Amino acid sequence: VDLWPGVRRVGAVDGRVLVEAELPQQRRSTAATVLVEPPRRTPTSFVTRFDWAGPSLPRTSGELTLMYAAGEHGPATAASLVLDSEDDLTGVLSESEMQALADAFLDNLRQLAESRSHAA
């Protein structure tokens, strides 16, 4: 949650995280709840599923998969983020805006992972 651009954690209720999210196209913010399942290990990856919903947002589910990848300087991790919305997001975010937010999230995740691997 903390790595998604424009999202600020404001609390938690019944296992769901309450957030305030900036909506770039509408130049305003909205509230949402986010439920993140514990990561599960598969034979080749770690998978985390989550969903969010809010008064100005369609219910959206997502899956973040982290898997082994050969890197230029040795082993690395590849990340895949898949989002599935029940309704059309275009009233809230354009496809290019959602893609930019998802790319920024993955970049934030990469930076965090790299900073932690160098600290060890």
N, C-alpha and C. Protein backbone atom coordinates (compact mmCIF):
# COMPACT_ATOMS: atom_id res chain seq x y z
N VAL A 1 0.83 -1.20 0.00
CA VAL A 1 0.00 0.00 0.00
C VAL A 1 0.87 1.25 0.00
N ASP A 2 1.92 1.24 0.83
CA ASP A 2 2.75 2.43 0.97
C ASP A 2 3.59 2.73 -0.27
N LEU A 3 3.71 1.78 -1.17
CA LEU A 3 4.52 1.98 -2.37
C LEU A 3 3.72 2.48 -3.56
N TRP A 4 2.38 2.47 -3.44
CA TRP A 4 1.55 2.93 -4.56
C TRP A 4 1.56 4.46 -4.57
N PRO A 5 1.87 5.07 -5.72
CA PRO A 5 1.96 6.54 -5.79
C PRO A 5 0.63 7.22 -5.46
N GLY A 6 0.70 8.27 -4.67
CA GLY A 6 -0.48 9.06 -4.35
C GLY A 6 -1.39 8.46 -3.30
N VAL A 7 -0.94 7.39 -2.64
CA VAL A 7 -1.77 6.73 -1.63
C VAL A 7 -1.16 6.97 -0.25
N ARG A 8 -2.02 7.32 0.69
CA ARG A 8 -1.58 7.55 2.06
C ARG A 8 -2.43 6.70 2.99
N ARG A 9 -1.76 5.90 3.82
CA ARG A 9 -2.46 5.05 4.79
C ARG A 9 -3.03 5.94 5.89
N VAL A 10 -4.32 5.73 6.22
CA VAL A 10 -4.94 6.55 7.27
C VAL A 10 -5.49 5.72 8.43
N GLY A 11 -5.51 4.40 8.30
CA GLY A 11 -5.99 3.57 9.39
C GLY A 11 -6.23 2.14 8.95
N ALA A 12 -6.89 1.38 9.82
CA ALA A 12 -7.22 -0.01 9.52
C ALA A 12 -8.48 -0.39 10.28
N VAL A 13 -9.32 -1.21 9.64
CA VAL A 13 -10.55 -1.70 10.24
C VAL A 13 -10.79 -3.12 9.74
N ASP A 14 -10.99 -4.07 10.66
CA ASP A 14 -11.33 -5.45 10.31
C ASP A 14 -10.41 -6.05 9.26
N GLY A 15 -9.11 -5.83 9.39
CA GLY A 15 -8.15 -6.42 8.47
C GLY A 15 -7.99 -5.68 7.15
N ARG A 16 -8.74 -4.63 6.96
CA ARG A 16 -8.61 -3.82 5.74
C ARG A 16 -7.88 -2.54 6.09
N VAL A 17 -7.03 -2.10 5.18
CA VAL A 17 -6.30 -0.85 5.36
C VAL A 17 -7.12 0.28 4.75
N LEU A 18 -7.30 1.35 5.48
CA LEU A 18 -8.00 2.52 4.97
C LEU A 18 -6.96 3.48 4.40
N VAL A 19 -7.21 3.94 3.17
CA VAL A 19 -6.27 4.83 2.52
C VAL A 19 -6.98 6.03 1.93
N GLU A 20 -6.20 7.06 1.69
CA GLU A 20 -6.64 8.21 0.92
C GLU A 20 -5.81 8.19 -0.35
N ALA A 21 -6.47 8.28 -1.50
CA ALA A 21 -5.77 8.17 -2.77
C ALA A 21 -6.02 9.41 -3.62
N GLU A 22 -4.95 9.92 -4.21
CA GLU A 22 -5.06 11.04 -5.14
C GLU A 22 -5.51 10.50 -6.50
N LEU A 23 -6.48 11.14 -7.12
CA LEU A 23 -6.94 10.77 -8.45
C LEU A 23 -6.43 11.82 -9.43
N PRO A 24 -5.39 11.51 -10.20
CA PRO A 24 -4.75 12.51 -11.05
C PRO A 24 -5.70 13.21 -12.01
N GLN A 25 -6.55 12.45 -12.71
CA GLN A 25 -7.43 13.03 -13.72
C GLN A 25 -8.45 13.97 -13.09
N GLN A 26 -8.94 13.63 -11.91
CA GLN A 26 -10.00 14.41 -11.28
C GLN A 26 -9.45 15.47 -10.33
N ARG A 27 -8.15 15.48 -10.12
CA ARG A 27 -7.48 16.45 -9.25
C ARG A 27 -8.14 16.55 -7.87
N ARG A 28 -8.46 15.38 -7.34
CA ARG A 28 -9.03 15.32 -5.99
C ARG A 28 -8.62 13.98 -5.40
N SER A 29 -8.93 13.80 -4.14
CA SER A 29 -8.60 12.53 -3.51
C SER A 29 -9.90 11.82 -3.11
N THR A 30 -9.76 10.54 -2.88
CA THR A 30 -10.90 9.72 -2.47
C THR A 30 -10.42 8.72 -1.42
N ALA A 31 -11.34 8.19 -0.68
CA ALA A 31 -11.02 7.16 0.31
C ALA A 31 -11.20 5.79 -0.34
N ALA A 32 -10.49 4.82 0.18
CA ALA A 32 -10.63 3.44 -0.29
C ALA A 32 -10.22 2.50 0.82
N THR A 33 -10.67 1.27 0.72
CA THR A 33 -10.19 0.22 1.63
C THR A 33 -9.43 -0.79 0.79
N VAL A 34 -8.38 -1.33 1.38
CA VAL A 34 -7.52 -2.28 0.68
C VAL A 34 -7.38 -3.51 1.56
N LEU A 35 -7.60 -4.67 0.99
CA LEU A 35 -7.40 -5.94 1.68
C LEU A 35 -6.26 -6.67 0.99
N VAL A 36 -5.21 -6.96 1.74
CA VAL A 36 -4.06 -7.66 1.20
C VAL A 36 -3.97 -9.03 1.86
N GLU A 37 -3.99 -10.07 1.06
CA GLU A 37 -3.85 -11.42 1.58
C GLU A 37 -2.39 -11.68 1.89
N PRO A 38 -2.10 -12.55 2.83
CA PRO A 38 -0.70 -12.90 3.09
C PRO A 38 -0.07 -13.50 1.83
N PRO A 39 1.21 -13.22 1.60
CA PRO A 39 1.84 -13.82 0.42
C PRO A 39 1.88 -15.33 0.55
N ARG A 40 1.78 -16.01 -0.59
CA ARG A 40 1.91 -17.46 -0.57
C ARG A 40 3.03 -17.86 -1.52
N ARG A 41 3.69 -18.90 -1.14
CA ARG A 41 4.81 -19.39 -1.92
C ARG A 41 4.34 -20.48 -2.86
N THR A 42 4.75 -20.39 -4.11
CA THR A 42 4.56 -21.47 -5.07
C THR A 42 5.94 -22.08 -5.30
N PRO A 43 6.04 -23.14 -6.07
CA PRO A 43 7.37 -23.72 -6.31
C PRO A 43 8.35 -22.75 -6.98
N THR A 44 7.82 -21.75 -7.69
CA THR A 44 8.72 -20.85 -8.43
C THR A 44 8.56 -19.37 -8.11
N SER A 45 7.68 -19.01 -7.17
CA SER A 45 7.44 -17.59 -6.95
C SER A 45 6.76 -17.33 -5.60
N PHE A 46 6.61 -16.04 -5.30
CA PHE A 46 5.76 -15.57 -4.21
C PHE A 46 4.62 -14.80 -4.86
N VAL A 47 3.40 -15.03 -4.37
CA VAL A 47 2.23 -14.38 -4.95
C VAL A 47 1.46 -13.70 -3.83
N THR A 48 1.10 -12.45 -4.04
CA THR A 48 0.27 -11.69 -3.11
C THR A 48 -0.95 -11.21 -3.86
N ARG A 49 -2.11 -11.48 -3.29
CA ARG A 49 -3.37 -11.01 -3.89
C ARG A 49 -3.94 -9.91 -3.01
N PHE A 50 -4.63 -8.97 -3.64
CA PHE A 50 -5.21 -7.85 -2.92
C PHE A 50 -6.43 -7.34 -3.67
N ASP A 51 -7.25 -6.56 -2.99
CA ASP A 51 -8.33 -5.87 -3.68
C ASP A 51 -8.57 -4.53 -3.00
N TRP A 52 -9.13 -3.61 -3.76
CA TRP A 52 -9.49 -2.32 -3.20
C TRP A 52 -10.85 -1.90 -3.71
N ALA A 53 -11.51 -1.05 -2.93
CA ALA A 53 -12.81 -0.50 -3.30
C ALA A 53 -12.96 0.83 -2.59
N GLY A 54 -13.70 1.71 -3.20
CA GLY A 54 -13.96 3.01 -2.59
C GLY A 54 -15.14 3.67 -3.28
N PRO A 55 -15.66 4.74 -2.72
CA PRO A 55 -16.86 5.37 -3.27
C PRO A 55 -16.67 5.90 -4.69
N SER A 56 -15.45 6.28 -5.07
CA SER A 56 -15.21 6.80 -6.42
C SER A 56 -14.42 5.82 -7.28
N LEU A 57 -14.22 4.61 -6.76
CA LEU A 57 -13.39 3.63 -7.46
C LEU A 57 -14.15 2.33 -7.66
N PRO A 58 -14.01 1.71 -8.82
CA PRO A 58 -14.60 0.39 -8.99
C PRO A 58 -13.82 -0.64 -8.18
N ARG A 59 -14.49 -1.69 -7.72
CA ARG A 59 -13.79 -2.77 -7.01
C ARG A 59 -12.76 -3.36 -7.97
N THR A 60 -11.54 -3.42 -7.49
CA THR A 60 -10.42 -3.90 -8.31
C THR A 60 -9.64 -4.93 -7.52
N SER A 61 -9.29 -6.02 -8.18
CA SER A 61 -8.44 -7.02 -7.55
C SER A 61 -7.10 -7.02 -8.28
N GLY A 62 -6.10 -7.46 -7.56
CA GLY A 62 -4.77 -7.49 -8.15
C GLY A 62 -3.98 -8.67 -7.66
N GLU A 63 -2.95 -8.97 -8.42
CA GLU A 63 -2.04 -10.04 -8.04
C GLU A 63 -0.62 -9.59 -8.38
N LEU A 64 0.23 -9.62 -7.36
CA LEU A 64 1.64 -9.29 -7.52
C LEU A 64 2.41 -10.60 -7.39
N THR A 65 3.19 -10.93 -8.42
CA THR A 65 3.98 -12.15 -8.42
C THR A 65 5.45 -11.79 -8.52
N LEU A 66 6.24 -12.32 -7.60
CA LEU A 66 7.69 -12.13 -7.61
C LEU A 66 8.32 -13.48 -7.92
N MET A 67 9.18 -13.51 -8.96
CA MET A 67 9.77 -14.77 -9.38
C MET A 67 11.23 -14.58 -9.75
N TYR A 68 11.97 -15.68 -9.75
CA TYR A 68 13.38 -15.66 -10.10
C TYR A 68 13.56 -15.22 -11.55
N ALA A 69 14.60 -14.45 -11.79
CA ALA A 69 14.99 -14.06 -13.14
C ALA A 69 16.51 -13.96 -13.20
N ALA A 70 17.08 -14.35 -14.29
CA ALA A 70 18.53 -14.19 -14.46
C ALA A 70 18.81 -12.71 -14.70
N GLY A 71 19.71 -12.17 -13.90
CA GLY A 71 20.06 -10.76 -14.04
C GLY A 71 21.41 -10.58 -14.69
N GLU A 72 21.69 -9.38 -15.09
CA GLU A 72 22.96 -9.06 -15.73
C GLU A 72 24.14 -9.34 -14.81
N HIS A 73 23.96 -9.12 -13.50
CA HIS A 73 25.03 -9.32 -12.52
C HIS A 73 24.73 -10.48 -11.57
N GLY A 74 23.99 -11.47 -12.02
CA GLY A 74 23.65 -12.60 -11.17
C GLY A 74 22.15 -12.73 -11.01
N PRO A 75 21.72 -13.55 -10.05
CA PRO A 75 20.28 -13.76 -9.86
C PRO A 75 19.55 -12.45 -9.56
N ALA A 76 18.33 -12.37 -10.04
CA ALA A 76 17.49 -11.19 -9.84
C ALA A 76 16.05 -11.66 -9.63
N THR A 77 15.18 -10.70 -9.42
CA THR A 77 13.77 -10.99 -9.25
C THR A 77 12.97 -10.23 -10.30
N ALA A 78 12.04 -10.92 -10.92
CA ALA A 78 11.10 -10.29 -11.84
C ALA A 78 9.78 -10.12 -11.12
N ALA A 79 9.09 -9.03 -11.42
CA ALA A 79 7.79 -8.76 -10.80
C ALA A 79 6.73 -8.61 -11.87
N SER A 80 5.57 -9.19 -11.59
CA SER A 80 4.43 -9.08 -12.49
C SER A 80 3.25 -8.56 -11.67
N LEU A 81 2.59 -7.52 -12.17
CA LEU A 81 1.43 -6.95 -11.51
C LEU A 81 0.24 -7.03 -12.46
N VAL A 82 -0.82 -7.70 -12.04
CA VAL A 82 -2.02 -7.84 -12.86
C VAL A 82 -3.18 -7.24 -12.08
N LEU A 83 -3.91 -6.32 -12.71
CA LEU A 83 -5.07 -5.68 -12.09
C LEU A 83 -6.32 -6.04 -12.88
N ASP A 84 -7.40 -6.31 -12.18
CA ASP A 84 -8.67 -6.67 -12.82
C ASP A 84 -9.77 -5.88 -12.12
N SER A 85 -10.45 -5.04 -12.89
CA SER A 85 -11.50 -4.20 -12.33
C SER A 85 -12.87 -4.70 -12.77
N GLU A 86 -13.85 -4.66 -11.84
CA GLU A 86 -15.21 -5.08 -12.16
C GLU A 86 -15.90 -4.11 -13.11
N ASP A 87 -15.52 -2.86 -13.03
CA ASP A 87 -16.13 -1.82 -13.87
C ASP A 87 -15.04 -1.13 -14.67
N ASP A 88 -15.48 -0.28 -15.58
CA ASP A 88 -14.57 0.49 -16.39
C ASP A 88 -13.89 1.56 -15.54
N LEU A 89 -12.57 1.59 -15.56
CA LEU A 89 -11.82 2.59 -14.79
C LEU A 89 -11.74 3.94 -15.50
N THR A 90 -12.16 4.04 -16.77
CA THR A 90 -11.93 5.26 -17.52
C THR A 90 -12.63 6.48 -16.94
N GLY A 91 -13.69 6.30 -16.16
CA GLY A 91 -14.33 7.43 -15.52
C GLY A 91 -13.49 8.01 -14.39
N VAL A 92 -12.56 7.21 -13.89
CA VAL A 92 -11.72 7.61 -12.77
C VAL A 92 -10.29 7.87 -13.22
N LEU A 93 -9.75 6.93 -13.97
CA LEU A 93 -8.38 7.00 -14.47
C LEU A 93 -8.34 6.53 -15.92
N SER A 94 -7.54 7.19 -16.73
CA SER A 94 -7.35 6.70 -18.09
C SER A 94 -6.44 5.47 -18.02
N GLU A 95 -6.45 4.70 -19.08
CA GLU A 95 -5.59 3.51 -19.13
C GLU A 95 -4.12 3.90 -18.98
N SER A 96 -3.72 5.00 -19.62
CA SER A 96 -2.32 5.43 -19.53
C SER A 96 -1.97 5.91 -18.12
N GLU A 97 -2.92 6.54 -17.41
CA GLU A 97 -2.67 6.96 -16.03
C GLU A 97 -2.53 5.75 -15.11
N MET A 98 -3.40 4.74 -15.29
CA MET A 98 -3.30 3.53 -14.47
C MET A 98 -1.98 2.82 -14.76
N GLN A 99 -1.57 2.77 -16.04
CA GLN A 99 -0.31 2.13 -16.40
C GLN A 99 0.86 2.88 -15.76
N ALA A 100 0.81 4.20 -15.76
CA ALA A 100 1.88 5.00 -15.15
C ALA A 100 1.94 4.76 -13.64
N LEU A 101 0.79 4.67 -12.97
CA LEU A 101 0.77 4.39 -11.54
C LEU A 101 1.31 2.99 -11.24
N ALA A 102 0.91 2.01 -12.04
CA ALA A 102 1.40 0.64 -11.84
C ALA A 102 2.91 0.57 -12.07
N ASP A 103 3.40 1.24 -13.10
CA ASP A 103 4.85 1.27 -13.37
C ASP A 103 5.60 1.94 -12.22
N ALA A 104 5.04 3.03 -11.70
CA ALA A 104 5.69 3.73 -10.58
C ALA A 104 5.70 2.84 -9.33
N PHE A 105 4.60 2.09 -9.09
CA PHE A 105 4.56 1.14 -7.97
C PHE A 105 5.67 0.10 -8.11
N LEU A 106 5.79 -0.50 -9.30
CA LEU A 106 6.82 -1.52 -9.51
C LEU A 106 8.22 -0.93 -9.36
N ASP A 107 8.41 0.32 -9.80
CA ASP A 107 9.70 0.97 -9.62
C ASP A 107 9.99 1.22 -8.14
N ASN A 108 8.97 1.65 -7.38
CA ASN A 108 9.14 1.84 -5.93
C ASN A 108 9.48 0.52 -5.25
N LEU A 109 8.83 -0.56 -5.68
CA LEU A 109 9.12 -1.89 -5.13
C LEU A 109 10.55 -2.30 -5.44
N ARG A 110 10.99 -2.05 -6.68
CA ARG A 110 12.36 -2.38 -7.08
C ARG A 110 13.37 -1.61 -6.23
N GLN A 111 13.14 -0.31 -6.05
CA GLN A 111 14.07 0.51 -5.26
C GLN A 111 14.14 0.03 -3.83
N LEU A 112 13.01 -0.31 -3.24
CA LEU A 112 12.99 -0.80 -1.88
C LEU A 112 13.73 -2.13 -1.77
N ALA A 113 13.47 -3.04 -2.69
CA ALA A 113 14.15 -4.34 -2.66
C ALA A 113 15.66 -4.18 -2.83
N GLU A 114 16.08 -3.31 -3.73
CA GLU A 114 17.51 -3.09 -3.93
C GLU A 114 18.15 -2.47 -2.71
N SER A 115 17.47 -1.53 -2.07
CA SER A 115 18.05 -0.89 -0.89
C SER A 115 18.19 -1.87 0.25
N ARG A 116 17.25 -2.79 0.37
CA ARG A 116 17.32 -3.79 1.43
C ARG A 116 18.37 -4.86 1.13
N SER A 117 18.56 -5.20 -0.11
CA SER A 117 19.56 -6.24 -0.45
C SER A 117 20.97 -5.70 -0.25
N HIS A 118 21.18 -4.42 -0.48
CA HIS A 118 22.51 -3.82 -0.28
C HIS A 118 22.80 -3.59 1.19
N ALA A 119 21.76 -3.48 2.00
CA ALA A 119 21.96 -3.23 3.43
C ALA A 119 22.42 -4.49 4.17
N ALA A 120 22.13 -5.65 3.60
CA ALA A 120 22.44 -6.91 4.28
C ALA A 120 23.88 -7.28 4.21
